[in-house]
């Protein structure tokens, strides 16, 4: 890696649409087109599309691929009983620190597709390949892969109209093949918005054609990183680098559900087990803020005493007030606990709230 700023295959499309581009994890990415709130609301009520081609995509093949990956991730790959199944997981070091959060797909009988955060692509690749058996074939497909997220209550209808008549959308957290116009792709029923939708993997050379096909629908709105962040935070979805990093374990980060207590033998298992048994000193909690907009790094207080800092914070377009996450002492992590946040030299009240902050979405309707 030469350290230069990277561009996704859709960079010129974003510029042509008037997007405001920013440097994100070494990539030139659109932060917004017409406005964060407008794009946010489009996803909550209709259909929005996101270029997430900066993410990393790795494939692992071989008879020992499953046992090798089982040792590396916290969640249980045995849950992926069929080709196309997917799961969310953490990947930790020996001390239980989170190296990254990942999605792992069983893309074949002896094959797995791993999707990693853009900022951690090289770190993840080096870590995984260093800990896999030599017999496992590993391929970094990131540069030749484009990823477009189609999200919102109308997302499946749009994708379905482009797909062949015989195609049926995969179930939630599953993957299948699809032809969209002339573009062959993989369709994953996953996302980072809290709405129903499809994340479409295609060859980088087909990204522009697919992007334009999706935008040919008048109801489809291009969306940037700004609305992606407000949408994910309304659901309480964590962001690596803000809500977690290598200095935090999954139990403290409210990710204990991706570390089954019945699984052992993975890297970090002993350290995480000790934290689970003894209880973490701090926990990541959600905060509802009635006044002002909390931001990363703002102080969190209890009865005037500093007890933590905001991990992620924003104004919720759906709710009309501030929301945040923060690490606080476990004794203060109970839902309903009153706290305060320092916002621009002013102390405002906050209350511990169990995410998701927004309860009713097209995705929650599927789950109910």
Protein backbone atom coordinates (compact mmCIF):
# COMPACT_ATOMS: atom_id res chain seq x y z
CA UNK A 1 0.00 0.00 0.00
CA UNK A 2 1.48 3.36 -1.02
CA UNK A 3 -0.63 5.55 1.29
CA UNK A 4 -2.28 7.45 -1.56
CA UNK A 5 -5.98 8.27 -1.38
CA UNK A 6 -8.05 5.57 -3.01
CA UNK A 7 -11.15 5.88 -5.15
CA UNK A 8 -13.94 3.35 -5.60
CA UNK A 9 -15.11 2.40 -9.11
CA UNK A 10 -18.01 4.83 -8.58
CA UNK A 11 -15.94 7.91 -7.75
CA UNK A 12 -16.71 9.70 -11.03
CA UNK A 13 -20.42 8.91 -10.63
CA UNK A 14 -20.45 10.59 -7.22
CA UNK A 15 -18.69 13.67 -8.55
CA UNK A 16 -21.10 13.89 -11.49
CA UNK A 17 -24.04 13.79 -9.07
CA UNK A 18 -22.59 16.71 -7.10
CA UNK A 19 -21.63 14.74 -4.01
CA UNK A 20 -19.43 16.35 -1.40
CA UNK A 21 -16.40 14.09 -1.21
CA UNK A 22 -14.33 13.49 1.92
CA UNK A 23 -11.37 11.36 2.94
CA UNK A 24 -12.63 8.33 4.85
CA UNK A 25 -10.20 5.60 5.91
CA UNK A 26 -7.93 6.58 3.03
CA UNK A 27 -10.75 6.61 0.47
CA UNK A 28 -12.45 9.48 -1.32
CA UNK A 29 -16.09 8.88 -0.40
CA UNK A 30 -19.35 10.87 -0.71
CA UNK A 31 -20.48 12.26 2.64
CA UNK A 32 -23.72 13.65 1.17
CA UNK A 33 -25.45 14.59 -2.06
CA UNK A 34 -28.50 16.79 -1.39
CA UNK A 35 -28.34 16.63 2.41
CA UNK A 36 -27.94 14.16 5.26
CA UNK A 37 -31.45 14.49 6.65
CA UNK A 38 -33.08 14.19 3.21
CA UNK A 39 -31.02 11.09 2.41
CA UNK A 40 -31.68 9.61 5.86
CA UNK A 41 -35.43 10.06 5.46
CA UNK A 42 -35.33 8.57 1.97
CA UNK A 43 -33.94 5.33 3.40
CA UNK A 44 -36.42 5.24 6.27
CA UNK A 45 -39.40 5.82 3.95
CA UNK A 46 -38.36 4.62 0.48
CA UNK A 47 -35.09 3.47 -1.09
CA UNK A 48 -31.52 4.72 -0.77
CA UNK A 49 -28.33 3.35 -2.28
CA UNK A 50 -24.83 3.55 -0.84
CA UNK A 51 -21.45 2.91 -2.40
CA UNK A 52 -19.63 0.71 0.10
CA UNK A 53 -17.02 -0.57 -2.33
CA UNK A 54 -14.30 0.56 0.06
CA UNK A 55 -15.02 -2.46 2.27
CA UNK A 56 -12.66 -5.44 2.19
CA UNK A 57 -13.69 -8.79 0.71
CA UNK A 58 -11.64 -11.93 1.36
CA UNK A 59 -12.28 -15.50 0.22
CA UNK A 60 -10.93 -18.61 1.92
CA UNK A 61 -11.04 -22.07 0.36
CA UNK A 62 -10.16 -25.56 1.47
CA UNK A 63 -10.94 -28.48 3.72
CA UNK A 64 -9.45 -26.67 6.73
CA UNK A 65 -11.01 -23.26 6.02
CA UNK A 66 -13.86 -23.72 8.49
CA UNK A 67 -11.76 -25.00 11.38
CA UNK A 68 -9.16 -22.33 10.68
CA UNK A 69 -11.68 -19.48 10.72
CA UNK A 70 -13.38 -20.95 13.80
CA UNK A 71 -10.18 -20.32 15.73
CA UNK A 72 -9.99 -16.72 14.51
CA UNK A 73 -13.55 -15.40 15.02
CA UNK A 74 -15.69 -15.29 18.16
CA UNK A 75 -19.01 -16.42 16.71
CA UNK A 76 -19.73 -20.03 15.78
CA UNK A 77 -19.30 -20.92 12.10
CA UNK A 78 -21.29 -24.08 12.72
CA UNK A 79 -24.36 -21.81 12.56
CA UNK A 80 -23.71 -21.53 8.82
CA UNK A 81 -25.25 -24.89 7.97
CA UNK A 82 -26.13 -24.08 4.35
CA UNK A 83 -24.35 -22.41 1.46
CA UNK A 84 -25.43 -18.76 1.50
CA UNK A 85 -25.78 -18.46 5.28
CA UNK A 86 -24.10 -15.49 6.99
CA UNK A 87 -23.27 -14.30 10.48
CA UNK A 88 -21.94 -11.21 12.22
CA UNK A 89 -18.90 -11.69 14.42
CA UNK A 90 -15.97 -10.07 16.17
CA UNK A 91 -12.34 -10.98 15.62
CA UNK A 92 -10.13 -10.51 18.66
CA UNK A 93 -6.52 -10.68 19.77
CA UNK A 94 -5.19 -12.80 22.63
CA UNK A 95 -6.22 -10.17 25.21
CA UNK A 96 -9.79 -10.05 23.90
CA UNK A 97 -9.33 -6.72 22.14
CA UNK A 98 -11.49 -6.31 19.04
CA UNK A 99 -9.38 -6.26 15.87
CA UNK A 100 -12.51 -5.81 13.75
CA UNK A 101 -16.15 -6.74 13.38
CA UNK A 102 -16.90 -8.83 10.31
CA UNK A 103 -19.62 -10.55 8.33
CA UNK A 104 -18.78 -14.10 7.28
CA UNK A 105 -20.71 -15.87 4.50
CA UNK A 106 -20.58 -19.56 3.64
CA UNK A 107 -20.18 -19.01 -0.09
CA UNK A 108 -19.51 -22.65 -0.93
CA UNK A 109 -19.21 -26.07 0.67
CA UNK A 110 -15.54 -25.41 1.48
CA UNK A 111 -15.50 -21.66 0.87
CA UNK A 112 -16.11 -18.55 2.97
CA UNK A 113 -16.45 -14.88 2.07
CA UNK A 114 -15.40 -12.41 4.78
CA UNK A 115 -16.36 -8.72 4.60
CA UNK A 116 -14.13 -6.38 6.62
CA UNK A 117 -14.12 -2.68 7.45
CA UNK A 118 -12.19 -0.52 4.98
CA UNK A 119 -9.90 0.99 7.62
CA UNK A 120 -8.87 -2.47 8.81
CA UNK A 121 -8.48 -4.22 5.47
CA UNK A 122 -4.70 -4.73 5.57
CA UNK A 123 -4.64 -5.43 9.32
CA UNK A 124 -7.41 -8.02 9.01
CA UNK A 125 -5.83 -9.70 6.00
CA UNK A 126 -2.48 -10.00 7.74
CA UNK A 127 -4.02 -11.29 10.96
CA UNK A 128 -6.29 -13.88 9.32
CA UNK A 129 -3.71 -15.24 6.91
CA UNK A 130 -1.09 -15.45 9.67
CA UNK A 131 -3.39 -17.65 11.76
CA UNK A 132 -4.87 -19.92 9.08
CA UNK A 133 -3.47 -23.37 8.26
CA UNK A 134 -1.13 -23.33 5.27
CA UNK A 135 -3.51 -25.59 3.36
CA UNK A 136 -6.20 -22.87 3.23
CA UNK A 137 -6.17 -20.85 0.02
CA UNK A 138 -6.72 -17.14 0.71
CA UNK A 139 -7.61 -14.50 -1.88
CA UNK A 140 -8.06 -10.77 -1.30
CA UNK A 141 -10.83 -9.85 -3.75
CA UNK A 142 -11.30 -6.29 -2.48
CA UNK A 143 -9.85 -4.43 -5.46
CA UNK A 144 -11.92 -6.33 -7.99
CA UNK A 145 -15.15 -6.21 -6.00
CA UNK A 146 -17.74 -3.44 -5.83
CA UNK A 147 -20.42 -3.38 -3.15
CA UNK A 148 -23.63 -1.35 -3.39
CA UNK A 149 -26.15 -1.31 -0.53
CA UNK A 150 -29.80 -0.92 -1.53
CA UNK A 151 -31.69 -0.06 1.64
CA UNK A 152 -35.22 0.89 2.67
CA UNK A 153 -38.81 -0.38 2.69
CA UNK A 154 -38.85 -0.36 -1.12
CA UNK A 155 -35.42 -1.90 -1.65
CA UNK A 156 -36.51 -5.45 -2.42
CA UNK A 157 -39.08 -4.24 -4.94
CA UNK A 158 -36.42 -2.31 -6.87
CA UNK A 159 -33.93 -5.17 -6.87
CA UNK A 160 -36.68 -7.63 -7.75
CA UNK A 161 -37.75 -5.58 -10.76
CA UNK A 162 -34.20 -5.66 -12.13
CA UNK A 163 -33.70 -9.35 -11.40
CA UNK A 164 -34.70 -12.30 -13.53
CA UNK A 165 -38.29 -13.47 -13.02
CA UNK A 166 -37.19 -16.66 -11.26
CA UNK A 167 -35.17 -14.86 -8.58
CA UNK A 168 -36.37 -14.79 -4.99
CA UNK A 169 -34.67 -12.57 -2.41
CA UNK A 170 -32.60 -14.42 0.17
CA UNK A 171 -33.78 -14.63 3.75
CA UNK A 172 -32.32 -12.23 6.29
CA UNK A 173 -28.56 -12.79 6.67
CA UNK A 174 -28.40 -15.05 3.64
CA UNK A 175 -26.74 -14.71 0.23
CA UNK A 176 -27.71 -15.87 -3.26
CA UNK A 177 -26.86 -15.25 -6.90
CA UNK A 178 -28.78 -12.75 -9.02
CA UNK A 179 -28.62 -11.24 -12.49
CA UNK A 180 -29.48 -7.53 -12.43
CA UNK A 181 -29.93 -6.43 -16.01
CA UNK A 182 -26.74 -7.67 -17.64
CA UNK A 183 -24.78 -7.67 -14.37
CA UNK A 184 -24.16 -10.94 -12.57
CA UNK A 185 -23.99 -10.40 -8.81
CA UNK A 186 -24.37 -11.78 -5.33
CA UNK A 187 -27.27 -10.45 -3.27
CA UNK A 188 -26.94 -10.44 0.52
CA UNK A 189 -29.94 -9.65 2.73
CA UNK A 190 -27.82 -7.52 5.03
CA UNK A 191 -27.28 -3.83 5.72
CA UNK A 192 -26.23 -1.17 8.19
CA UNK A 193 -29.35 1.01 8.32
CA UNK A 194 -31.97 -0.91 10.26
CA UNK A 195 -34.15 -1.11 7.16
CA UNK A 196 -34.71 -4.13 4.97
CA UNK A 197 -32.51 -4.30 1.93
CA UNK A 198 -29.90 -5.98 -0.20
CA UNK A 199 -26.15 -5.51 -0.40
CA UNK A 200 -25.04 -6.32 -3.95
CA UNK A 201 -21.55 -7.67 -4.70
CA UNK A 202 -20.41 -7.38 -8.30
CA UNK A 203 -17.19 -7.14 -10.28
CA UNK A 204 -15.68 -3.65 -10.10
CA UNK A 205 -15.97 -3.32 -13.88
CA UNK A 206 -19.77 -3.62 -13.60
CA UNK A 207 -20.23 -1.14 -10.75
CA UNK A 208 -21.09 1.90 -12.90
CA UNK A 209 -23.66 -0.02 -14.97
CA UNK A 210 -25.35 -1.35 -11.83
CA UNK A 211 -25.30 2.05 -10.09
CA UNK A 212 -26.95 3.69 -13.09
CA UNK A 213 -29.52 0.91 -13.36
CA UNK A 214 -30.54 1.45 -9.74
CA UNK A 215 -30.71 5.23 -10.18
CA UNK A 216 -33.00 4.78 -13.19
CA UNK A 217 -35.77 4.23 -10.64
CA UNK A 218 -37.17 7.65 -9.66
CA UNK A 219 -37.72 6.54 -6.07
CA UNK A 220 -34.06 5.59 -5.55
CA UNK A 221 -31.93 8.23 -3.80
CA UNK A 222 -28.10 8.19 -3.71
CA UNK A 223 -26.88 8.45 -0.13
CA UNK A 224 -23.55 9.27 1.49
CA UNK A 225 -21.62 8.43 4.61
CA UNK A 226 -23.41 11.11 6.63
CA UNK A 227 -26.82 9.47 6.44
CA UNK A 228 -25.26 6.03 6.76
CA UNK A 229 -23.93 7.13 10.14
CA UNK A 230 -27.20 8.62 11.41
CA UNK A 231 -29.14 5.56 10.23
CA UNK A 232 -26.80 3.07 11.90
CA UNK A 233 -26.65 5.03 15.16
CA UNK A 234 -30.45 5.19 15.39
CA UNK A 235 -30.26 1.38 15.48
CA UNK A 236 -27.34 1.29 17.91
CA UNK A 237 -25.13 -0.48 15.35
CA UNK A 238 -21.48 -0.08 16.39
CA UNK A 239 -18.83 1.68 14.32
CA UNK A 240 -15.28 0.41 14.52
CA UNK A 241 -12.92 3.14 15.66
CA UNK A 242 -15.66 4.94 17.60
CA UNK A 243 -17.67 2.35 19.53
CA UNK A 244 -14.96 -0.29 19.65
CA UNK A 245 -11.31 -0.88 18.88
CA UNK A 246 -8.47 -3.11 19.97
CA UNK A 247 -8.58 -1.64 23.46
CA UNK A 248 -12.11 -2.94 24.04
CA UNK A 249 -13.45 -6.48 24.46
CA UNK A 250 -16.80 -7.72 23.06
CA UNK A 251 -18.44 -8.02 26.48
CA UNK A 252 -17.75 -4.38 27.36
CA UNK A 253 -18.80 -3.36 23.82
CA UNK A 254 -22.28 -4.93 24.21
CA UNK A 255 -21.32 -7.63 21.70
CA UNK A 256 -21.47 -10.59 24.05
CA UNK A 257 -24.14 -12.06 21.79
CA UNK A 258 -21.50 -12.71 19.10
CA UNK A 259 -19.38 -14.66 21.59
CA UNK A 260 -21.37 -17.82 22.40
CA UNK A 261 -20.61 -19.04 25.91
CA UNK A 262 -20.53 -22.58 24.53
CA UNK A 263 -17.66 -21.83 22.12
CA UNK A 264 -14.04 -22.18 23.17
CA UNK A 265 -10.65 -22.45 21.55
CA UNK A 266 -10.74 -19.22 19.57
CA UNK A 267 -8.14 -16.48 19.91
CA UNK A 268 -9.03 -14.35 22.94
CA UNK A 269 -11.46 -16.89 24.42
CA UNK A 270 -9.77 -17.11 27.82
CA UNK A 271 -9.51 -13.34 28.26
CA UNK A 272 -13.11 -12.79 27.18
CA UNK A 273 -14.28 -15.59 29.46
CA UNK A 274 -12.64 -13.93 32.47
CA UNK A 275 -14.31 -10.61 31.65
CA UNK A 276 -17.68 -12.29 31.18
CA UNK A 277 -17.37 -14.18 34.48
CA UNK A 278 -16.16 -11.19 36.50
CA UNK A 279 -18.20 -8.56 34.74
CA UNK A 280 -16.70 -5.71 32.71
CA UNK A 281 -15.62 -2.52 34.44
CA UNK A 282 -17.36 -0.40 31.82
CA UNK A 283 -20.12 -1.04 29.31
CA UNK A 284 -21.17 0.59 26.05
CA UNK A 285 -24.64 2.06 26.50
CA UNK A 286 -27.06 4.13 24.49
CA UNK A 287 -27.95 7.65 25.62
CA UNK A 288 -30.98 9.75 24.78
CA UNK A 289 -30.22 13.47 24.86
CA UNK A 290 -33.07 15.97 24.90
CA UNK A 291 -30.99 19.07 24.17
CA UNK A 292 -28.04 19.67 21.85
CA UNK A 293 -26.10 17.31 19.61
CA UNK A 294 -23.59 14.98 21.31
CA UNK A 295 -20.37 14.25 19.44
CA UNK A 296 -17.51 11.77 19.77
CA UNK A 297 -15.27 12.63 22.70
CA UNK A 298 -17.73 14.80 24.63
CA UNK A 299 -17.63 14.19 28.37
CA UNK A 300 -20.25 12.05 30.12
CA UNK A 301 -20.95 12.91 33.77
CA UNK A 302 -22.86 11.48 36.70
CA UNK A 303 -23.81 13.96 39.39
CA UNK A 304 -21.19 16.33 38.03
CA UNK A 305 -18.34 13.81 38.01
CA UNK A 306 -16.78 12.71 34.72
CA UNK A 307 -17.48 9.00 34.20
CA UNK A 308 -16.89 8.52 30.48
CA UNK A 309 -16.87 9.99 26.99
CA UNK A 310 -19.24 9.83 24.04
CA UNK A 311 -18.23 7.10 21.59
CA UNK A 312 -20.72 7.99 18.82
CA UNK A 313 -23.18 10.85 18.81
CA UNK A 314 -25.53 12.60 16.41
CA UNK A 315 -28.88 14.29 15.91
CA UNK A 316 -31.54 11.69 15.13
CA UNK A 317 -33.58 12.86 12.12
CA UNK A 318 -36.28 10.30 12.92
CA UNK A 319 -36.66 11.19 16.60
CA UNK A 320 -35.79 14.88 16.44
CA UNK A 321 -33.25 14.90 19.28
CA UNK A 322 -29.72 13.85 20.13
CA UNK A 323 -28.64 10.23 20.61
CA UNK A 324 -25.29 8.77 21.56
CA UNK A 325 -23.31 5.80 22.77
CA UNK A 326 -20.75 5.93 25.55
CA UNK A 327 -18.69 3.71 27.80
CA UNK A 328 -19.74 4.19 31.43
CA UNK A 329 -19.05 2.25 34.65
CA UNK A 330 -21.14 -0.92 34.77
CA UNK A 331 -22.91 0.33 37.89
CA UNK A 332 -24.32 3.20 35.79
CA UNK A 333 -25.22 1.11 32.73
CA UNK A 334 -28.76 0.24 33.73
CA UNK A 335 -31.55 1.45 31.46
CA UNK A 336 -33.07 4.67 32.73
CA UNK A 337 -29.97 5.81 34.64
CA UNK A 338 -29.76 9.64 34.53
CA UNK A 339 -26.47 11.06 33.28
CA UNK A 340 -25.24 14.31 31.74
CA UNK A 341 -23.20 15.24 28.67
CA UNK A 342 -20.95 18.26 28.22
CA UNK A 343 -21.99 19.92 24.95
CA UNK A 344 -20.22 23.14 24.03
CA UNK A 345 -19.46 24.13 27.64
CA UNK A 346 -23.01 23.35 28.66
CA UNK A 347 -24.09 20.32 30.69
CA UNK A 348 -27.30 18.73 29.41
CA UNK A 349 -29.28 15.79 30.79
CA UNK A 350 -29.10 12.36 29.21
CA UNK A 351 -30.63 9.00 30.09
CA UNK A 352 -29.32 5.50 29.46
CA UNK A 353 -31.47 3.95 26.73
CA UNK A 354 -31.32 0.45 25.35
CA UNK A 355 -30.84 0.55 21.54
CA UNK A 356 -32.32 0.53 19.02
CA UNK A 357 -33.39 4.12 19.53
CA UNK A 358 -35.80 3.78 16.57
CA UNK A 359 -37.99 0.74 17.16
CA UNK A 360 -40.24 0.57 14.10
CA UNK A 361 -38.58 -0.01 10.73
CA UNK A 362 -39.13 -2.28 7.75
CA UNK A 363 -36.55 -4.62 9.28
CA UNK A 364 -38.22 -4.73 12.69
CA UNK A 365 -41.47 -5.59 10.92
CA UNK A 366 -39.77 -8.69 9.45
CA UNK A 367 -38.47 -9.76 12.84
CA UNK A 368 -41.82 -9.37 14.62
